[in-house]
Amino acid sequence: MPEYELPPKITEGARLEGNEYGWHPALFPEALANAQALGYACIGGQFQFRLEDGTCEMYWLSADSDPRHEAELWLEYCDRSCSEVRTRFQKLLCETDFRKQALEWQPVREAMDHGLNPLEKLTFVAYFVDEAEWLEDERRRSLRSIDSP
């Protein structure tokens, strides 16, 4: 389970694997809009093929937001981060040949040989934070930097 639970309005339609929520690409824009409306920022995410027997992560196909600016108000950061992820997500979705990407993965190729449509297994894993979680992460980072030689 994730350390912080996301509201059901965000996780609707998502599949939880380990501590990561993933949405079919057609469902992700609504999750992103709901997160923004609820005051959550989106750090970003990546595309994956999620099969029953494993996950094929396409880390090079990520749609991330820029870090929070110093003195940026939380709701401004929420709006900006969600907008940046939305734009980058849509660009990747439009420009990427996911069937070609699927052929790069042996497990997906084998499943395709047995009739799998790889787009049915395409997932976008995204990471959302509220202000309290973001502040706690910042506190932890500060403590680590103090402890580092």
Protein backbone atom coordinates (compact mmCIF):
# COMPACT_ATOMS: atom_id res chain seq x y z
CA MET A 1 0.00 0.00 0.00
CA PRO A 2 1.18 3.54 -0.66
CA GLU A 3 2.43 5.51 2.33
CA TYR A 4 -0.28 8.13 1.75
CA GLU A 5 -3.73 7.15 0.55
CA LEU A 6 -5.17 9.07 -2.35
CA PRO A 7 -8.85 10.05 -2.33
CA PRO A 8 -11.18 7.67 -4.22
CA LYS A 9 -12.06 10.50 -6.63
CA ILE A 10 -8.44 10.33 -7.88
CA THR A 11 -7.94 6.55 -7.77
CA GLU A 12 -11.21 5.75 -9.54
CA GLY A 13 -10.42 3.37 -12.39
CA ALA A 14 -6.80 2.92 -11.26
CA ARG A 15 -5.09 -0.36 -10.55
CA LEU A 16 -2.81 -0.48 -7.53
CA GLU A 17 0.33 -2.60 -7.90
CA GLY A 18 2.77 -2.49 -5.04
CA ASN A 19 2.56 1.15 -4.01
CA GLU A 20 1.86 2.58 -7.48
CA TYR A 21 -1.47 3.58 -8.96
CA GLY A 22 -1.80 3.14 -12.70
CA TRP A 23 -4.56 4.24 -15.06
CA HIS A 24 -5.46 3.21 -18.57
CA PRO A 25 -4.46 6.26 -20.66
CA ALA A 26 -8.11 7.03 -21.45
CA LEU A 27 -8.88 7.35 -17.72
CA PHE A 28 -5.83 9.30 -16.60
CA PRO A 29 -6.93 12.82 -17.69
CA GLU A 30 -10.00 12.60 -15.44
CA ALA A 31 -7.88 11.41 -12.49
CA LEU A 32 -5.52 14.33 -13.11
CA ALA A 33 -8.39 16.85 -13.26
CA ASN A 34 -9.86 15.41 -10.04
CA ALA A 35 -6.48 15.63 -8.31
CA GLN A 36 -6.07 19.25 -9.33
CA ALA A 37 -9.59 20.08 -8.11
CA LEU A 38 -8.82 18.42 -4.75
CA GLY A 39 -5.59 20.37 -4.23
CA TYR A 40 -3.10 17.67 -5.22
CA ALA A 41 0.02 18.29 -7.26
CA CYS A 42 1.21 15.76 -9.83
CA ILE A 43 4.92 15.04 -9.74
CA GLY A 44 4.61 13.08 -12.97
CA GLY A 45 4.47 9.55 -14.22
CA GLN A 46 5.48 7.02 -16.85
CA PHE A 47 3.96 4.57 -19.26
CA GLN A 48 4.08 0.84 -18.57
CA PHE A 49 2.72 -2.39 -19.92
CA ARG A 50 1.22 -4.23 -16.97
CA LEU A 51 0.87 -7.93 -17.63
CA GLU A 52 -0.37 -10.59 -15.22
CA ASP A 53 3.18 -11.91 -14.82
CA GLY A 54 5.12 -8.66 -14.73
CA THR A 55 5.48 -4.99 -15.56
CA CYS A 56 7.43 -3.51 -18.45
CA GLU A 57 8.40 0.03 -17.46
CA MET A 58 9.06 2.56 -20.19
CA TYR A 59 10.92 5.00 -17.96
CA TRP A 60 12.03 6.96 -21.04
CA LEU A 61 8.37 7.77 -21.70
CA SER A 62 7.77 9.93 -18.66
CA ALA A 63 5.65 13.02 -18.26
CA ASP A 64 7.00 14.91 -15.27
CA SER A 65 6.32 18.33 -13.85
CA ASP A 66 9.03 20.79 -12.95
CA PRO A 67 9.85 21.08 -9.23
CA ARG A 68 7.95 23.50 -7.04
CA HIS A 69 9.39 26.99 -7.26
CA GLU A 70 10.58 28.76 -4.15
CA ALA A 71 7.74 30.81 -2.66
CA GLU A 72 5.23 29.27 -5.12
CA LEU A 73 1.83 29.04 -3.45
CA TRP A 74 0.56 25.49 -3.06
CA LEU A 75 -2.50 25.89 -5.28
CA GLU A 76 -0.39 27.57 -7.97
CA TYR A 77 1.97 24.58 -7.84
CA CYS A 78 -0.99 22.18 -8.07
CA ASP A 79 -2.32 23.96 -11.15
CA ARG A 80 1.07 24.25 -12.82
CA SER A 81 2.22 20.70 -12.09
CA CYS A 82 -1.03 19.16 -13.29
CA SER A 83 -0.98 21.32 -16.41
CA GLU A 84 2.62 20.36 -17.21
CA VAL A 85 1.94 16.65 -16.72
CA ARG A 86 -1.25 16.87 -18.80
CA THR A 87 0.59 18.54 -21.69
CA ARG A 88 3.54 16.12 -21.59
CA PHE A 89 1.25 13.09 -21.18
CA GLN A 90 -0.85 14.12 -24.21
CA LYS A 91 2.28 14.76 -26.29
CA LEU A 92 3.65 11.29 -25.51
CA LEU A 93 0.28 9.70 -26.14
CA CYS A 94 0.03 11.36 -29.57
CA GLU A 95 3.64 10.88 -30.66
CA THR A 96 4.48 7.40 -29.37
CA ASP A 97 3.91 4.19 -31.29
CA PHE A 98 3.03 1.99 -28.33
CA ARG A 99 2.62 -1.11 -30.51
CA LYS A 100 6.23 -0.65 -31.60
CA GLN A 101 7.26 -0.14 -27.97
CA ALA A 102 5.44 -3.37 -27.08
CA LEU A 103 7.60 -5.31 -29.52
CA GLU A 104 10.68 -4.34 -27.49
CA TRP A 105 9.50 -6.48 -24.56
CA GLN A 106 9.68 -10.26 -24.86
CA PRO A 107 6.79 -10.95 -22.45
CA VAL A 108 4.55 -8.53 -24.35
CA ARG A 109 5.63 -9.95 -27.73
CA GLU A 110 4.84 -13.48 -26.54
CA ALA A 111 1.43 -12.39 -25.27
CA MET A 112 0.81 -10.64 -28.61
CA ASP A 113 1.58 -13.92 -30.37
CA HIS A 114 -1.34 -15.35 -28.38
CA GLY A 115 -3.72 -12.56 -29.39
CA LEU A 116 -3.05 -9.84 -26.83
CA ASN A 117 -3.70 -6.28 -27.91
CA PRO A 118 -0.86 -4.50 -26.07
CA LEU A 119 -2.83 -1.27 -25.83
CA GLU A 120 -5.21 -3.06 -23.45
CA LYS A 121 -2.29 -3.44 -21.02
CA LEU A 122 -0.93 0.08 -21.48
CA THR A 123 -0.94 1.95 -18.17
CA PHE A 124 0.14 5.38 -17.02
CA VAL A 125 1.55 5.33 -13.49
CA ALA A 126 1.37 8.74 -11.84
CA TYR A 127 2.40 10.21 -8.53
CA PHE A 128 0.28 12.75 -6.66
CA VAL A 129 0.98 14.61 -3.44
CA ASP A 130 -0.99 16.92 -1.22
CA GLU A 131 0.65 19.78 0.61
CA ALA A 132 1.15 17.84 3.87
CA GLU A 133 2.91 14.99 2.06
CA TRP A 134 5.05 17.42 0.05
CA LEU A 135 6.10 19.22 3.25
CA GLU A 136 6.96 15.91 4.94
CA ASP A 137 9.05 14.86 1.91
CA GLU A 138 10.85 18.23 2.02
CA ARG A 139 11.56 17.78 5.73
CA ARG A 140 13.02 14.31 5.06
CA ARG A 141 15.19 15.65 2.24
CA SER A 142 16.48 18.41 4.51
CA LEU A 143 17.36 15.90 7.23
CA ARG A 144 19.20 13.69 4.73
CA SER A 145 21.21 16.64 3.43
CA ILE A 146 22.19 17.55 7.01
CA ASP A 147 23.25 13.93 7.70
CA SER A 148 25.26 13.66 4.46
CA PRO A 149 29.02 14.29 4.72
